[in-house]
N, C-alpha and C. Protein backbone atom coordinates (compact mmCIF):
# COMPACT_ATOMS: atom_id res chain seq x y z
N UNK A 1 116.07 90.22 118.07
CA UNK A 1 115.95 89.23 118.20
C UNK A 1 114.64 89.68 119.56
N UNK A 2 113.23 90.31 118.79
CA UNK A 2 112.61 89.63 119.89
C UNK A 2 111.59 88.45 119.46
N UNK A 3 111.52 87.44 120.03
CA UNK A 3 111.37 86.09 119.26
C UNK A 3 109.60 86.04 119.75
N UNK A 4 109.62 85.87 121.04
CA UNK A 4 107.73 85.78 120.75
C UNK A 4 107.31 86.63 120.54
N UNK A 5 107.04 88.13 120.49
CA UNK A 5 105.91 88.49 120.03
C UNK A 5 106.32 88.49 118.34
N UNK A 6 107.10 88.43 117.29
CA UNK A 6 107.61 88.16 116.30
C UNK A 6 106.30 86.13 115.99
N UNK A 7 106.91 85.67 116.85
CA UNK A 7 105.86 84.49 116.90
C UNK A 7 104.05 84.78 116.77
N UNK A 8 104.27 85.93 117.59
CA UNK A 8 102.76 86.15 117.81
C UNK A 8 101.99 86.42 116.71
N UNK A 9 103.30 87.99 116.13
CA UNK A 9 102.70 88.64 114.96
C UNK A 9 102.69 87.22 113.44
N UNK A 10 103.32 86.45 113.58
CA UNK A 10 103.46 85.20 112.31
C UNK A 10 102.37 84.31 112.76
N UNK A 11 101.68 83.52 113.86
CA UNK A 11 100.52 83.70 113.72
C UNK A 11 98.75 84.43 113.32
N UNK A 12 99.62 85.60 113.61
CA UNK A 12 98.46 87.04 113.66
C UNK A 12 98.29 86.49 111.88
N UNK A 13 99.15 86.83 111.60
CA UNK A 13 99.06 86.30 110.15
C UNK A 13 98.88 84.90 109.69
N UNK A 14 98.95 84.25 110.19
CA UNK A 14 98.45 82.55 109.44
C UNK A 14 96.93 83.01 109.83
N UNK A 15 96.34 83.63 110.73
CA UNK A 15 94.93 84.10 110.99
C UNK A 15 94.78 84.61 109.89
N UNK A 16 94.99 85.22 108.90
CA UNK A 16 94.58 85.62 108.19
C UNK A 16 95.05 85.52 106.61
N UNK A 17 95.37 83.77 106.81
CA UNK A 17 95.73 82.82 105.72
C UNK A 17 96.70 82.92 104.79
N UNK A 18 97.90 83.72 105.08
CA UNK A 18 99.26 83.42 105.26
C UNK A 18 99.91 82.44 105.07
N UNK A 19 100.53 81.37 104.61
CA UNK A 19 101.70 80.49 104.48
C UNK A 19 102.90 81.31 105.45
N UNK A 20 104.11 80.36 106.17
CA UNK A 20 104.86 80.74 106.87
C UNK A 20 105.57 79.33 106.30
N UNK A 21 106.47 80.04 105.90
CA UNK A 21 107.53 79.04 105.24
C UNK A 21 108.87 78.90 106.23
N UNK A 22 109.38 78.29 106.91
CA UNK A 22 110.81 78.48 107.89
C UNK A 22 111.84 77.87 107.49
N UNK A 23 112.49 77.88 107.11
CA UNK A 23 113.97 77.89 106.30
C UNK A 23 114.82 77.53 107.41
N UNK A 24 115.25 76.35 107.96
CA UNK A 24 116.42 75.87 108.86
C UNK A 24 116.79 74.88 109.71
N UNK A 25 118.02 74.40 109.08
CA UNK A 25 118.23 73.72 109.59
C UNK A 25 118.01 72.79 111.12
N UNK A 26 117.68 73.36 111.27
CA UNK A 26 116.98 72.07 112.80
C UNK A 26 115.87 72.93 113.03
N UNK A 27 114.88 71.98 113.83
CA UNK A 27 113.56 72.39 113.22
C UNK A 27 113.38 72.83 115.28
N UNK A 28 113.16 74.42 115.34
CA UNK A 28 113.35 74.64 116.34
C UNK A 28 112.52 76.30 115.95
N UNK A 29 112.37 77.15 117.38
CA UNK A 29 111.47 78.12 116.78
C UNK A 29 110.28 78.62 116.00
N UNK A 30 110.76 79.19 115.29
CA UNK A 30 109.60 79.57 114.07
C UNK A 30 109.12 78.14 113.45
N UNK A 31 110.18 77.23 113.42
CA UNK A 31 109.79 75.85 112.48
C UNK A 31 107.96 75.14 113.59
N UNK A 32 108.00 76.14 114.58
CA UNK A 32 106.96 75.54 115.48
C UNK A 32 105.44 76.01 114.75
N UNK A 33 105.89 77.07 114.41
CA UNK A 33 104.59 77.36 113.86
C UNK A 33 104.50 77.71 112.55
N UNK A 34 105.32 76.87 111.87
CA UNK A 34 105.53 77.74 110.37
C UNK A 34 104.10 76.21 109.95
N UNK A 35 103.92 76.82 108.54
CA UNK A 35 102.99 75.79 107.92
C UNK A 35 103.66 74.50 107.13
N UNK A 36 105.20 75.40 107.13
CA UNK A 36 105.84 73.81 106.13
C UNK A 36 107.69 74.43 106.54
N UNK A 37 107.90 73.11 106.71
CA UNK A 37 109.58 73.15 107.55
C UNK A 37 110.55 72.98 106.41
N UNK A 38 111.34 73.60 105.61
CA UNK A 38 112.51 72.91 105.73
C UNK A 38 113.66 73.24 106.13
N UNK A 39 114.36 72.29 106.15
CA UNK A 39 115.47 71.99 106.73
C UNK A 39 116.81 71.81 106.04
N UNK A 40 117.49 73.14 105.85
CA UNK A 40 118.72 73.17 104.30
C UNK A 40 120.00 72.91 105.05
N UNK A 41 120.28 72.98 104.49
CA UNK A 41 121.66 72.28 104.46
C UNK A 41 122.67 73.78 105.46
N UNK A 42 123.08 73.87 106.61
CA UNK A 42 123.46 75.02 107.10
C UNK A 42 124.77 75.56 106.20
N UNK A 43 124.47 77.16 105.96
CA UNK A 43 125.52 77.83 105.19
C UNK A 43 124.95 77.92 103.64
N UNK A 44 124.03 77.62 103.61
CA UNK A 44 123.43 77.35 102.02
C UNK A 44 122.28 78.50 101.49
N UNK A 45 121.82 79.14 102.27
CA UNK A 45 120.58 80.10 102.24
C UNK A 45 121.01 81.08 100.91
N UNK A 46 121.77 81.13 101.03
CA UNK A 46 121.96 82.19 99.14
C UNK A 46 121.46 80.92 97.83
N UNK A 47 122.58 80.28 98.62
CA UNK A 47 122.43 79.53 97.32
C UNK A 47 120.55 78.64 97.15
N UNK A 48 120.50 78.35 97.89
CA UNK A 48 118.55 78.25 98.03
C UNK A 48 117.74 79.30 96.64
N UNK A 49 118.70 80.89 97.84
CA UNK A 49 117.60 82.32 97.08
C UNK A 49 117.86 82.36 95.60
N UNK A 50 119.49 82.18 95.55
CA UNK A 50 119.68 82.25 94.16
C UNK A 50 118.97 81.09 93.05
N UNK A 51 119.04 80.24 93.53
CA UNK A 51 117.91 78.96 93.39
C UNK A 51 116.72 79.46 92.87
N UNK A 52 115.94 80.51 93.82
CA UNK A 52 115.20 81.09 93.40
C UNK A 52 114.61 81.76 92.43
N UNK A 53 115.95 83.06 92.53
CA UNK A 53 116.35 83.69 91.44
C UNK A 53 116.00 83.22 90.05
N UNK A 54 116.88 82.20 89.75
CA UNK A 54 116.98 81.50 89.14
C UNK A 54 115.51 81.12 88.00
N UNK A 55 114.82 80.78 89.09
CA UNK A 55 112.89 79.99 88.46
C UNK A 55 112.70 81.32 88.89
N UNK A 56 112.26 82.54 88.88
CA UNK A 56 111.54 83.38 88.52
C UNK A 56 112.04 83.75 87.21
N UNK A 57 113.59 84.00 87.45
CA UNK A 57 114.06 84.79 85.61
C UNK A 57 112.85 83.99 85.05
N UNK A 58 113.57 82.34 84.83
CA UNK A 58 112.92 81.54 83.98
C UNK A 58 111.67 81.97 83.62
N UNK A 59 110.97 82.17 84.15
CA UNK A 59 109.42 81.91 84.26
C UNK A 59 108.53 83.34 84.00
N UNK A 60 109.82 84.19 83.43
CA UNK A 60 109.47 85.34 83.78
C UNK A 60 108.64 86.97 84.71
N UNK A 61 108.42 85.31 85.91
CA UNK A 61 107.59 86.50 86.86
C UNK A 61 108.43 87.53 87.63
N UNK A 62 108.50 88.90 87.15
CA UNK A 62 109.84 89.44 87.41
C UNK A 62 109.09 90.77 87.28
N UNK A 63 108.93 91.90 88.82
CA UNK A 63 107.98 92.54 88.68
C UNK A 63 109.36 93.71 87.85
N UNK A 64 109.31 94.11 86.89
CA UNK A 64 110.08 94.90 86.24
C UNK A 64 110.06 96.51 86.08
N UNK A 65 108.26 96.29 85.97
CA UNK A 65 108.18 98.28 86.67
C UNK A 65 108.74 98.07 87.39
N UNK A 66 108.27 97.78 89.38
CA UNK A 66 109.46 98.19 90.39
C UNK A 66 110.49 98.32 90.48
N UNK A 67 111.31 96.99 90.20
CA UNK A 67 112.97 97.01 90.09
C UNK A 67 113.25 97.88 88.99
N UNK A 68 113.02 98.87 88.05
CA UNK A 68 113.32 100.01 87.53
C UNK A 68 113.06 101.62 87.48
N UNK A 69 111.70 101.71 88.52
CA UNK A 69 111.60 102.58 89.70
C UNK A 69 112.36 102.82 90.77
N UNK A 70 112.59 101.47 91.13
CA UNK A 70 112.73 101.46 92.72
C UNK A 70 114.12 100.89 92.99
N UNK A 71 114.84 100.25 92.06
CA UNK A 71 116.22 99.78 91.86
C UNK A 71 117.53 100.60 91.21
N UNK A 72 118.65 100.32 91.50
CA UNK A 72 119.50 100.27 90.17
C UNK A 72 119.26 99.21 89.17
N UNK A 73 118.41 98.64 89.45
CA UNK A 73 118.65 97.07 87.58
C UNK A 73 118.51 97.40 86.89
N UNK A 74 117.90 99.38 85.64
CA UNK A 74 118.50 100.32 84.89
C UNK A 74 119.11 100.55 84.93
N UNK A 75 120.31 100.83 85.86
CA UNK A 75 121.12 101.41 85.65
C UNK A 75 122.78 100.91 84.79
N UNK A 76 123.23 101.84 84.04
CA UNK A 76 124.33 101.38 83.25
C UNK A 76 125.45 100.49 83.56
N UNK A 77 126.34 99.42 83.33
CA UNK A 77 127.91 99.12 83.54
C UNK A 77 128.56 99.07 82.94
N UNK A 78 129.67 100.01 82.78
CA UNK A 78 130.37 99.87 81.96
C UNK A 78 131.54 98.42 81.31
N UNK A 79 131.32 98.22 80.57
CA UNK A 79 132.15 96.80 80.45
C UNK A 79 133.38 96.95 79.25
N UNK A 80 134.51 97.02 79.79
CA UNK A 80 135.70 97.22 79.60
C UNK A 80 136.63 96.61 80.49
N UNK A 81 136.41 95.12 79.77
CA UNK A 81 137.45 94.24 80.54
C UNK A 81 139.42 94.95 80.61
N UNK A 82 139.82 94.24 81.70
CA UNK A 82 140.91 93.89 81.44
C UNK A 82 141.73 96.28 81.98
N UNK A 83 140.86 96.93 82.31
CA UNK A 83 141.03 98.35 82.70
C UNK A 83 140.06 98.90 83.88
N UNK A 84 139.95 99.67 84.34
CA UNK A 84 140.24 99.51 86.00
C UNK A 84 138.26 100.24 86.31
N UNK A 85 137.75 100.58 85.29
CA UNK A 85 136.33 101.13 85.84
C UNK A 85 135.70 100.10 85.00
N UNK A 86 136.10 98.87 84.36
CA UNK A 86 134.90 97.28 83.99
C UNK A 86 135.10 97.32 85.38
N UNK A 87 132.73 97.03 85.70
CA UNK A 87 132.20 96.39 86.22
C UNK A 87 131.87 97.69 87.05
N UNK A 88 132.32 99.07 86.51
CA UNK A 88 131.67 100.35 88.00
C UNK A 88 130.45 100.89 86.62
N UNK A 89 129.40 101.46 87.72
CA UNK A 89 128.60 102.64 87.04
C UNK A 89 129.01 103.04 85.49
N UNK A 90 128.17 103.34 85.00
CA UNK A 90 128.45 104.38 84.22
C UNK A 90 128.15 105.63 84.55
N UNK A 91 128.60 106.87 84.94
CA UNK A 91 128.22 108.45 85.65
C UNK A 91 128.55 109.92 84.24
N UNK A 92 127.61 110.82 84.30
CA UNK A 92 128.18 111.75 83.40
C UNK A 92 128.59 112.06 84.09
N UNK A 93 129.31 113.84 82.62
CA UNK A 93 129.93 114.36 83.61
C UNK A 93 129.69 115.07 85.70
N UNK A 94 128.64 114.52 85.81
CA UNK A 94 128.51 115.71 87.19
C UNK A 94 127.17 113.89 88.10
N UNK A 95 128.41 113.40 87.93
CA UNK A 95 128.33 112.20 88.29
C UNK A 95 126.74 110.99 88.39
N UNK A 96 125.95 111.64 87.70
CA UNK A 96 124.74 110.87 88.01
C UNK A 96 125.11 109.88 87.32
N UNK A 97 124.35 108.72 88.41
CA UNK A 97 124.78 107.41 87.57
C UNK A 97 123.46 107.88 85.87
N UNK A 98 123.31 106.00 85.19
CA UNK A 98 122.81 106.33 84.11
C UNK A 98 122.17 105.46 83.11
N UNK A 99 121.57 105.67 82.73
CA UNK A 99 120.13 104.47 82.15
C UNK A 99 120.27 105.33 80.79
N UNK A 100 119.91 104.24 80.05
CA UNK A 100 119.29 104.41 78.15
C UNK A 100 117.60 104.45 78.12
N UNK A 101 117.23 105.41 78.06
CA UNK A 101 115.74 105.28 77.90
C UNK A 101 115.02 104.90 76.71
N UNK A 102 114.46 104.29 77.52
CA UNK A 102 113.87 103.79 75.87
C UNK A 102 112.80 104.46 74.23
N UNK A 103 112.19 105.66 75.25
CA UNK A 103 111.52 107.01 74.89
C UNK A 103 111.99 107.29 73.49
N UNK A 104 113.08 108.09 74.11
CA UNK A 104 114.06 108.86 73.83
C UNK A 104 115.02 108.03 73.12
N UNK A 105 115.17 106.86 73.33
CA UNK A 105 116.68 106.26 73.12
C UNK A 105 117.52 106.89 73.10
N UNK A 106 117.90 107.67 74.05
CA UNK A 106 119.41 108.06 74.63
C UNK A 106 119.31 107.78 75.77
N UNK A 107 120.59 108.13 76.31
CA UNK A 107 121.56 107.85 77.60
C UNK A 107 121.31 109.12 78.83
N UNK A 108 120.47 109.06 79.62
CA UNK A 108 119.47 110.48 80.11
C UNK A 108 120.03 110.04 82.40
N UNK A 109 120.07 110.81 82.60
CA UNK A 109 120.10 110.74 83.88
C UNK A 109 118.89 109.52 85.01
N UNK A 110 119.90 108.71 85.31
CA UNK A 110 118.78 107.34 85.89
C UNK A 110 117.90 108.03 86.65
N UNK A 111 118.45 109.23 87.93
CA UNK A 111 117.52 110.03 88.51
C UNK A 111 116.49 110.88 87.72
N UNK A 112 116.34 111.35 86.94
CA UNK A 112 115.64 111.50 86.29
C UNK A 112 114.62 111.10 86.23
N UNK A 113 112.68 112.11 87.27
CA UNK A 113 111.57 111.31 87.40
C UNK A 113 110.70 110.76 85.79
N UNK A 114 111.68 111.03 84.63
CA UNK A 114 110.77 111.83 83.28
C UNK A 114 111.08 110.14 82.41
N UNK A 115 112.62 109.23 82.81
CA UNK A 115 113.36 108.42 82.62
C UNK A 115 112.62 107.18 82.34
N UNK A 116 112.94 106.59 81.35
CA UNK A 116 111.83 105.35 81.21
C UNK A 116 112.39 104.31 80.85
N UNK A 117 113.74 103.85 81.33
CA UNK A 117 114.85 102.66 81.07
C UNK A 117 114.93 101.53 80.41
N UNK A 118 115.09 101.53 79.79
CA UNK A 118 115.97 100.08 78.95
C UNK A 118 116.32 99.16 80.19
N UNK A 119 115.97 98.30 80.73
CA UNK A 119 116.60 96.76 81.08
C UNK A 119 117.72 95.61 80.64
N UNK A 120 117.82 96.01 79.46
CA UNK A 120 118.71 94.85 79.18
C UNK A 120 118.96 95.63 76.84
N UNK A 121 120.36 94.95 76.54
CA UNK A 121 121.09 96.00 75.51
C UNK A 121 121.64 96.25 76.13
N UNK A 122 122.74 96.67 74.92
CA UNK A 122 124.43 97.58 75.44
C UNK A 122 124.46 98.66 73.92
N UNK A 123 124.49 99.47 75.14
CA UNK A 123 125.14 100.85 74.31
C UNK A 123 126.37 101.01 74.76
N UNK A 124 125.93 102.45 73.62
CA UNK A 124 127.69 103.21 73.61
C UNK A 124 127.68 104.70 74.24
N UNK A 125 128.52 104.50 75.12
CA UNK A 125 129.09 105.57 76.09
C UNK A 125 129.64 106.79 75.30
N UNK A 126 129.28 108.02 75.72
CA UNK A 126 130.32 108.91 74.82
C UNK A 126 131.55 109.14 75.06
N UNK A 127 132.42 108.21 75.37
CA UNK A 127 133.69 107.72 75.16
C UNK A 127 133.71 106.68 74.40
N UNK A 128 132.91 106.40 74.45
CA UNK A 128 133.42 105.19 73.17
C UNK A 128 132.99 103.54 73.75
N UNK A 129 132.91 103.68 75.02
CA UNK A 129 132.70 102.53 75.98
C UNK A 129 131.80 101.77 75.51
N UNK A 130 131.19 100.43 76.38
CA UNK A 130 129.46 100.39 76.16
C UNK A 130 129.19 99.65 77.34
N UNK A 131 128.09 99.91 77.70
CA UNK A 131 127.51 99.49 78.91
C UNK A 131 126.08 98.57 78.77
N UNK A 132 126.19 97.84 80.21
CA UNK A 132 124.47 96.79 79.22
C UNK A 132 124.02 97.41 80.73
N UNK A 133 122.67 97.01 80.83
CA UNK A 133 122.40 97.96 82.49
C UNK A 133 122.48 96.50 83.66
N UNK A 134 122.46 96.33 84.80
CA UNK A 134 122.33 95.61 86.01
C UNK A 134 121.43 94.65 85.56
N UNK A 135 120.16 94.19 85.55
CA UNK A 135 119.16 93.60 85.54
C UNK A 135 119.46 92.48 84.36
N UNK A 136 120.81 92.66 82.84
CA UNK A 136 120.43 92.37 81.95
C UNK A 136 121.69 91.05 82.63
N UNK A 137 123.05 92.23 83.12
CA UNK A 137 124.11 91.47 84.02
C UNK A 137 123.31 89.96 84.43
N UNK A 138 122.16 90.63 86.13
CA UNK A 138 121.78 89.70 86.84
C UNK A 138 121.24 88.73 86.38
N UNK A 139 121.09 88.96 85.46
CA UNK A 139 120.00 87.68 84.32
C UNK A 139 120.63 86.87 83.89
N UNK A 140 121.70 87.64 83.17
CA UNK A 140 122.21 86.05 82.34
C UNK A 140 123.30 85.29 83.94
N UNK A 141 123.97 86.42 84.74
CA UNK A 141 124.34 84.80 85.98
C UNK A 141 123.47 84.10 86.41
N UNK A 142 122.82 84.83 86.73
CA UNK A 142 121.77 83.66 87.89
C UNK A 142 120.77 82.60 86.63
N UNK A 143 120.64 82.53 85.40
CA UNK A 143 119.78 81.91 84.41
C UNK A 143 121.07 80.96 84.59
N UNK A 144 122.33 81.28 84.92
CA UNK A 144 123.35 79.25 84.37
C UNK A 144 122.53 79.18 85.12
N UNK A 145 123.18 77.47 84.54
CA UNK A 145 122.60 75.78 85.42
C UNK A 145 123.21 75.87 86.27
N UNK A 146 124.56 76.49 87.23
CA UNK A 146 124.35 76.75 88.07
C UNK A 146 123.97 76.68 89.52
N UNK A 147 122.54 77.49 88.77
CA UNK A 147 121.96 78.27 89.73
C UNK A 147 120.39 77.46 89.66
N UNK A 148 120.37 76.47 89.04
CA UNK A 148 119.39 75.32 88.74
C UNK A 148 119.11 74.75 90.23
N UNK A 149 117.97 74.49 90.07
CA UNK A 149 117.11 73.54 91.63
C UNK A 149 118.09 72.49 91.37
N UNK A 150 118.32 72.29 90.43
CA UNK A 150 118.95 70.53 90.57
C UNK A 150 120.50 70.65 91.25
N UNK A 151 120.56 71.52 90.16
CA UNK A 151 121.88 71.81 91.29
C UNK A 151 122.40 72.61 92.88
N UNK A 152 120.99 73.88 93.36
CA UNK A 152 121.11 74.11 94.74
C UNK A 152 120.83 72.56 95.37
N UNK A 153 119.36 71.46 94.92
CA UNK A 153 119.24 70.77 95.66
C UNK A 153 120.29 70.18 96.13
N UNK A 154 121.78 69.85 95.18
CA UNK A 154 122.58 68.51 95.12
C UNK A 154 123.19 69.14 97.05
N UNK A 155 123.35 70.94 97.13
CA UNK A 155 124.42 72.03 97.98
C UNK A 155 123.41 72.08 99.54
N UNK A 156 122.07 72.86 99.18
CA UNK A 156 120.95 72.39 99.84
C UNK A 156 120.70 71.71 101.09
N UNK A 157 120.21 70.48 100.37
CA UNK A 157 119.60 69.48 100.61
C UNK A 157 118.07 69.53 100.52
N UNK A 158 117.92 70.34 99.51
CA UNK A 158 116.35 70.88 99.55
C UNK A 158 115.86 69.75 98.12
N UNK A 159 115.05 69.47 97.84
CA UNK A 159 114.57 68.47 97.17
C UNK A 159 114.83 69.66 95.39
N UNK A 160 115.25 69.37 94.56
CA UNK A 160 114.43 70.42 93.80
C UNK A 160 113.19 70.67 93.72
N UNK A 161 112.69 69.35 93.34
CA UNK A 161 111.04 70.43 92.94
C UNK A 161 110.51 70.77 94.32
N UNK A 162 110.73 70.50 95.60
CA UNK A 162 110.34 71.91 96.34
C UNK A 162 110.92 73.12 96.30
N UNK A 163 112.38 73.16 95.70
CA UNK A 163 112.81 74.60 95.02
C UNK A 163 111.91 75.44 93.94
N UNK A 164 111.76 74.24 93.17
CA UNK A 164 110.57 74.88 91.91
C UNK A 164 109.31 75.04 92.52
N UNK A 165 108.57 73.90 93.67
CA UNK A 165 107.02 74.65 94.02
C UNK A 165 107.13 76.41 94.44
N UNK A 166 108.07 76.59 95.82
CA UNK A 166 108.19 77.36 96.62
C UNK A 166 108.41 78.57 95.53
N UNK A 167 109.39 78.91 94.54
CA UNK A 167 109.39 79.32 93.58
C UNK A 167 107.97 79.71 92.70
N UNK A 168 107.05 78.64 92.28
CA UNK A 168 105.94 78.96 91.96
C UNK A 168 104.91 79.49 92.98
N UNK A 169 105.23 79.42 94.33
CA UNK A 169 103.93 80.19 95.83
C UNK A 169 104.79 80.94 95.23
N UNK A 170 105.37 81.68 94.71
CA UNK A 170 105.89 83.05 95.76
C UNK A 170 105.32 84.02 94.26
N UNK A 171 105.86 83.07 93.08
CA UNK A 171 105.19 83.52 91.88
C UNK A 171 103.62 84.20 91.82
N UNK A 172 103.25 82.78 92.07
CA UNK A 172 101.47 83.20 92.20
C UNK A 172 101.00 84.13 92.75
N UNK A 173 101.56 83.89 94.00
CA UNK A 173 101.32 85.44 95.44
C UNK A 173 101.30 86.48 94.86
N UNK A 174 102.84 86.70 94.23
CA UNK A 174 102.69 87.96 93.87
C UNK A 174 102.00 88.30 92.67
N UNK A 175 102.35 87.75 92.03
CA UNK A 175 101.34 88.26 90.83
C UNK A 175 99.90 88.03 90.54
N UNK A 176 98.87 87.01 91.14
CA UNK A 176 97.87 86.83 90.54
C UNK A 176 97.87 87.07 92.00
N UNK A 177 97.58 87.19 93.15
CA UNK A 177 96.82 87.73 94.73
C UNK A 177 97.81 89.22 94.81
N UNK A 178 97.84 89.77 93.67
CA UNK A 178 98.14 91.23 93.74
C UNK A 178 97.31 92.06 94.61
N UNK A 179 97.86 93.24 96.00
CA UNK A 179 97.10 94.32 96.38
C UNK A 179 96.86 95.18 96.00
N UNK A 180 95.94 95.85 95.04
CA UNK A 180 95.59 97.18 95.23
C UNK A 180 95.02 98.23 95.89
N UNK A 181 95.22 99.34 96.38
CA UNK A 181 95.09 100.30 96.78
C UNK A 181 94.44 101.51 96.16
N UNK A 182 93.68 101.83 95.68
CA UNK A 182 93.25 102.54 95.08
C UNK A 182 94.02 104.20 95.96
N UNK A 183 94.90 104.27 95.81
CA UNK A 183 95.09 105.65 96.72
C UNK A 183 96.07 106.82 95.90
N UNK A 184 96.08 107.95 95.88
CA UNK A 184 96.55 108.65 94.88
C UNK A 184 98.17 109.47 96.04
N UNK A 185 99.54 108.67 94.95
CA UNK A 185 100.11 108.80 96.17
C UNK A 185 101.98 109.79 94.85
N UNK A 186 102.92 109.83 95.92
CA UNK A 186 103.99 110.40 95.50
C UNK A 186 105.41 109.96 95.75
N UNK A 187 106.15 109.24 94.85
CA UNK A 187 107.43 108.56 95.18
C UNK A 187 108.10 109.91 95.60
N UNK A 188 109.91 109.35 95.59
CA UNK A 188 110.65 109.62 96.29
C UNK A 188 111.26 110.53 95.17
N UNK A 189 110.85 110.33 94.03
CA UNK A 189 111.42 111.36 92.25
C UNK A 189 110.60 111.98 92.17
N UNK A 190 108.64 112.02 92.64
CA UNK A 190 108.01 112.90 92.38
C UNK A 190 107.54 112.77 91.52
N UNK A 191 107.22 111.50 90.89
CA UNK A 191 106.11 110.99 89.83
C UNK A 191 105.02 110.47 91.42
N UNK A 192 103.85 111.06 90.39
CA UNK A 192 103.17 110.51 90.98
C UNK A 192 102.20 109.55 90.38
N UNK A 193 101.17 108.57 91.46
CA UNK A 193 100.69 107.41 90.86
C UNK A 193 99.43 107.19 91.52
N UNK A 194 97.81 106.87 90.60
CA UNK A 194 96.88 106.74 91.05
C UNK A 194 96.47 106.09 92.11
N UNK A 195 97.81 105.03 92.37
CA UNK A 195 97.35 103.38 92.76
C UNK A 195 98.73 102.38 93.74
N UNK A 196 98.55 102.17 94.44
CA UNK A 196 99.51 101.46 94.78
C UNK A 196 99.46 99.39 94.92
N UNK A 197 100.39 99.34 93.88
CA UNK A 197 100.10 97.53 93.60
C UNK A 197 101.53 97.13 95.00
N UNK A 198 100.64 95.90 95.39
CA UNK A 198 101.17 95.62 96.94
C UNK A 198 101.83 94.46 96.31
N UNK A 199 103.20 93.37 96.39
CA UNK A 199 102.38 91.58 96.40
C UNK A 199 103.60 91.29 97.56
N UNK A 200 102.16 90.81 98.21
CA UNK A 200 102.22 90.43 99.52
C UNK A 200 103.30 88.81 99.91
N UNK A 201 104.42 89.09 99.33
CA UNK A 201 105.79 88.17 99.84
C UNK A 201 106.56 89.05 100.28
N UNK A 202 106.63 88.50 101.61
CA UNK A 202 108.41 88.84 101.93
C UNK A 202 108.80 87.51 102.94
N UNK A 203 110.04 88.21 103.43
CA UNK A 203 111.17 87.31 104.12
C UNK A 203 111.31 88.26 105.65
N UNK A 204 111.62 87.29 106.52
CA UNK A 204 112.76 87.85 107.73
C UNK A 204 113.40 86.95 107.71
N UNK A 205 114.94 87.09 108.03
CA UNK A 205 115.94 86.76 108.23
C UNK A 205 116.65 87.44 109.72
N UNK A 206 116.73 86.04 110.69
CA UNK A 206 116.88 86.66 111.77
C UNK A 206 119.11 85.83 111.87
N UNK A 207 118.83 85.43 113.09
CA UNK A 207 120.96 85.47 113.48
C UNK A 207 121.31 84.43 112.47
N UNK A 208 120.30 83.54 112.44
CA UNK A 208 120.74 82.30 111.92
C UNK A 208 121.54 82.18 110.90
N UNK A 209 120.75 83.38 109.94
CA UNK A 209 121.94 83.63 108.38
C UNK A 209 123.41 84.78 108.84
N UNK A 210 122.77 85.80 109.41
CA UNK A 210 123.56 86.42 109.84
C UNK A 210 125.10 86.55 110.70
N UNK A 211 124.99 85.64 111.66
CA UNK A 211 126.28 85.38 111.80
C UNK A 211 126.82 83.90 111.24
N UNK A 212 126.21 83.27 110.06
CA UNK A 212 127.47 82.44 109.08
C UNK A 212 128.40 84.10 108.34
N UNK A 213 129.32 83.05 107.54
CA UNK A 213 130.55 83.91 106.56
C UNK A 213 129.64 84.21 105.93
N UNK A 214 129.78 85.67 105.41
CA UNK A 214 128.54 86.12 104.56
C UNK A 214 127.53 86.08 105.03
N UNK A 215 127.27 86.31 105.59
CA UNK A 215 125.72 86.34 106.05
C UNK A 215 124.89 87.59 105.71
N UNK A 216 125.80 88.55 105.89
CA UNK A 216 125.22 89.54 105.86
C UNK A 216 124.67 89.96 104.52
N UNK A 217 125.71 89.27 103.58
CA UNK A 217 125.20 89.20 102.21
C UNK A 217 124.38 88.66 101.91
N UNK A 218 123.63 87.90 102.50
CA UNK A 218 122.59 86.68 102.86
C UNK A 218 122.43 87.39 102.69
N UNK A 219 121.81 87.86 103.81
CA UNK A 219 120.07 88.57 103.95
C UNK A 219 120.09 89.41 103.05
N UNK A 220 120.88 89.77 101.84
CA UNK A 220 120.76 91.15 101.71
C UNK A 220 119.93 90.93 100.22
């Protein structure tokens, strides 16, 4: 809740060429200094975001390398309908999360620095059950037509073409205007990298979302 300092910071970003998009049912606060205001229907922010996800997945504008390194996107999810562990993460005997290593062609701990995880496919666990990566399940869900801009437009009050354009602008900025810092570094898993690649897209969620029902997960 540091509104004025944030406005100053946003003004500095604008001065350096950033585009600011304000998503708010009413045109107030940050919308006053935004380059574009989207007057969304209250409580539908999540549907808008997932429609952007739909468009980015459909266009293949997804940083799979980042997801495989720093999120649980490659972790295998048990597919065992009707049983208690259906939908839970697959783990080895020591409790380590499992993924499928594409190079070794076998199950391996997700935390193994040498892991080259698969992001799609169905794999057999030692107990005979099958499992699929988180990312494939996510893509399968959000590529469904219920998350298309045309459907989201009806719920959010935002034109479908606007949703498509915002998704395209995000994709262009992230992949065509990436920032590369030529500096060697070591990540959390001990893997060494010769440079850092940054995608200059960011979101800042304020109380408008978090005060709503399911707001925490909308922010997340």
